[in-house]
Amino acid sequence: MLGFFNRFFAPAWRHPDPQRRRQAIDSLDPQQDRETLTALLNDDNAQVRDAALFRLDDPELMLARLDKQQNDVIQTRLIKHLNGTSAHPLPIEKRKQLLELISEQALLKAVASNADNQQLRLAALARIRDEKCLIEQACQNRIAAVRHAAAERVESDEGLEQLVRQSTRDRHIVRYARDRLNQRQQDAQEVQRRHEQREALIASLEKHATAPWDALYEPRHRHFLKEWDTMASEAGEEQVLRFQNAHQRCEQVIRHHHAELLAAQEHEQALNREREDRAAVVEALENALTHLKGEAHPRRQDIDSLLALRRLQAERWGYLSEHNSPTPERQARYHSALVIIDQLVDAWQLLDDHRADIEQALDEQDMGELARLRGLVHWPADYPLPLLMREVDTALETHQSLKQTRDDTRSREDSQRLEQQLDELDKLLTDGELQSATRLFDALNHRFGRLSDADRHRHNATVKRLRARLAELRDWRSFVASPKREHLCTAMEELAEQPMADVNKDQRHRQLVNEWRLLGNAAATRELSQRFRTASDRIRSSLADYYTQLGQQREENRAFCEALCTQLEELIAHADQRADPDALRTIRNKAREEWRQHTPLPRQHVDALKHRFGLALQSVQALIDQQAHHIAEQKRTLAEQAEALLVDTRDIEQRTREAKDLQQQWRSLGRAPKGEEQRLWKQFRQACDQLFAWRDDERKTRRNEQDSHLDDLQTLIDRIDNWHPNHASDAETLDQAEAEFNTFEPLPRGRRSEGMRKRWRGIVRQRRDELHSLAHDVLKQRWHAWRPLFDAHVSADDAALADQGIEDVSLVNGTDLDSDARQAHQHRNLQRRQPVRVEDDTLQRLRVHLALMANAPIDDSDNDRRLDIQVARLNDNVGQIHSLSEEFARWLCSLLATGPVSHAQWEALHPELDALIGRLDFED
């Protein structure tokens, strides 16, 4: 009875009959009854909903309804509003705002074709994405600006060809399309031409990689690289790979050639060094012999130095001869020098052995013994004789001259000797050597008296002339020397009275004495000599303390120099074979400096100490040379190892690390001989510089590849950043993008890579959230999409409960059900065959379950149901994780399978379900 009154007194728009509700809409006022019409938009009947929508005549509501269902009538009414052909046209700005909400291409096409405003048409055209529609607009639209704008957005070649064929209304579009096609054809030809150029370049480089080496091989390779740099930006992966392979083969050929060239240069340099070292050995020996020839008479120190030099150079010559044989000419020069040195040393040794006998024979004037001893010592003819041998020869020559005076040839020889002495006397007189000339004249005057009458007569004029010149020179020297002697006496007397430092006074005194001696006997008088000697004695007596102090200093210097020599000799005797040559050089230089600082020495010890010190320095120098040569060998080995790294095929980074280790070893060693040190350092540095240059080139190439790699990754990130999913099924696109991103792993370390990785994660997280939102919207939309099916089941259930017949509900057109939903649908049809209305508690449990999922407040009366449902949810989720969206999908299937449900039960339940579903939040 209550239902009857409700139907009888309710407004017509609430009548159960959809036809009555549809008729009631015509009597409603759109302004006053707007809320009623808005409520009817959610009516179960589609005709009622459409009538309410048309009565409201609101484009925004039409647009929202059009998104839910495709309705030609709604679409036509909406087109009229947008085109301005409706009874109450909307403002232009309002219509533009509506266009921003429209994505339906048919609506946009209709507005672009028939709108009453050019700007509106252009706005609609801007949202059209279909190229066919753009071509149609470019060919058929009545407004030229719209046609041109549409033509400019046609991109495909087929579309441009259609514009050329179909655009009969606008020649501008035909020209534009034809120009675009021609330009694309030219661009394609240009691309093909550049591709062919790259192919030709790669083929040339591949041919070059197998070509034999010539002088232009490396310049051609650089030319190919420079040409490739201008083409590489458009090359494909296959071409890049081919070019890199050919480039690597060319580099291998170049490196191999450089290694061979370097080895040849090293061999040639080694030969040159060996030749220079051999030449230095021979020149050192020959220079020593030449220097000995220039000496007035050789001394023991000269012979000892020559012997030490011979031993040192013999060691060097033997070391150089271990690997290669010298040239015959240089070998002959070397052996000739050694033979002469050996003759000199042997002759000196014999002279030392018989020195006492020779001196005794000289004292006793035993000419026979002297001749015998002289015959034992075979001194080389081209070298000056020692003093002792010269005295022996002089004595023997004198004895021989005396013997020759007894035979007939003595006069002739004396005459010849006299001629020589006369010539020598003439030269001495010309040079002004008065003392030497006087001694020589006395000697030849004695010889002149022993000549025969004929010889005396022949040389008499010459002797008289030279005697007169000698007297003239003596008179001249006396004339010149007299004031000089007077000046020296005055200077000596003034020096005796003058206050002066002892050192300076001693030096000045020595200078005056030497000048007095140089005058000889010229203008010499007893008075001047006594005067000069008296002043000199006064100076000497005043310098007595200085001479005593100088003698003490000389003794101290002698003791220090002897200690210095002893230290050097001990250093040599206990020399460390691994001693640093630089330290030895410092010791040598310091010893020389100390020797110079501790002079003068006592005259009786000077020669012995100098000889001892010289031998010690020679031994130190030999040790320095030995250690330096050892270091040179080690550095030569390091240089060879560095050059071996140039031809090594291992990774360049590993080779450069080994080069750094070699550099540390090089720095830990001392210095090699000066010339050898510079040559080895140049060789070692060139090899290391080449390695580091190759490493820098490879790093640059690697950085370029990494930059290209990161640029491709940046393109992927930008593409996904600009992409937004439109459907839940777009998750596959995002999965493909993530798989593509994984192909770029591992990324090079750096801030750019970390920034790109963080940005990628943020973008992927945003797109996942968008996909989840779309998937959740799909679930919510599924409820609205299934409403007609629910309503159909409720109607069939109500008819079955009223014994009006049992009918199975078929699926509504457009309703898409998965397997679980189809089973629930079939189960609902089966449940209807047992027409027992489902209990309200079952429906309320479904409502409470939905309220729990939506986190909605639950009345106290539903606490028991809430607890049961929560326990059930916990049991269902044991051992597995279910998201809220999956639970909601199962809930929908449970609701669909629950029946039969009466119309009253459904009318009381579904508004609450609509409200709760609106509150659902599927964020996991």
Foldseek 3Di string as FASTA:
>chain_A
DVVVVCQVPPDQCPHPDPVSVLVVLVVDALVPCVVVLVVQCPPPDPSSNVSSCVRNLDLVVLVVVCVLDPDPVSLVSNLCQLQQNDPDHDDPVVSLVVLVVDLDQVSLLSCLARHPDPVSNQSSLVNHDDLVSLLCCLQDHPDNVSNVVSLVPRDDLVSLVCNLVRNPPDVVSNVVSVVVNVVVVVVVVVLVVLVVVLVVLLVVLLVLLPDDDDPCSVVVLVVSVVVCVVRVVPDDPVSVVSSVVSNVSSVLNVLVVVLVVLVVVVVVVVVVVLVVLLVVLLCVLVVLQVVQQPDQADDPLSLVVSVLSLVLSVVVVVVSVPPPDDDPVSVVSNVVSVVLSVLQNVLVVLCVVCVVVLVVCVVVVVLVVLVVSLVVRDHDPSGHHHPSNVVSVVSNVVVVLVVCLVDDCSQVVLLVVLVVLLVVLVVCLVVLVLVVNVVSLVVNVVSLVSHDPVSVVVCVVSNVVSVVSSVVSLVVLLVVVQVVLVVLLVVLQVLLVDDDDLVVSVVVLVVSVVVVVVSPCRNDDPVSVVSSVVSSVSNCVVCVVVVVVVQVLQVVLVVVLVVLLVVLVVCLVPPDLQDALVVLVVSLVVSVVSNVVSDDHPPVCVVVSVSSVVVSSSSSVSSSLSNLVVLLVVLLVLLVLLSVLSSDPDDLVVSLVVLVVSVVVNVVHHHHPDVSRVVSVVSSVVSNVVSVVVVVVVVVVVVVVLVVLVVVLVVLLVVLLPDADPALVCVVVVVVSVVVNVVSPPHDDDPVVVVSVVSSVVSSVVNVVRSVVRVLVVLLSLVVLCVSVVVVLQVQLQCLLVVVDHDQDDDDPPNDDDPLLVVLSVLSSVVSVVNDFDDLVVLVLLLLLLCVQLVHDDDPVCVVSNVVVVVVVVVVCPPHDDFSSVVSVVSVSVVSNDDDHHPVSCVVRVVSVNVSSVSHDRDD
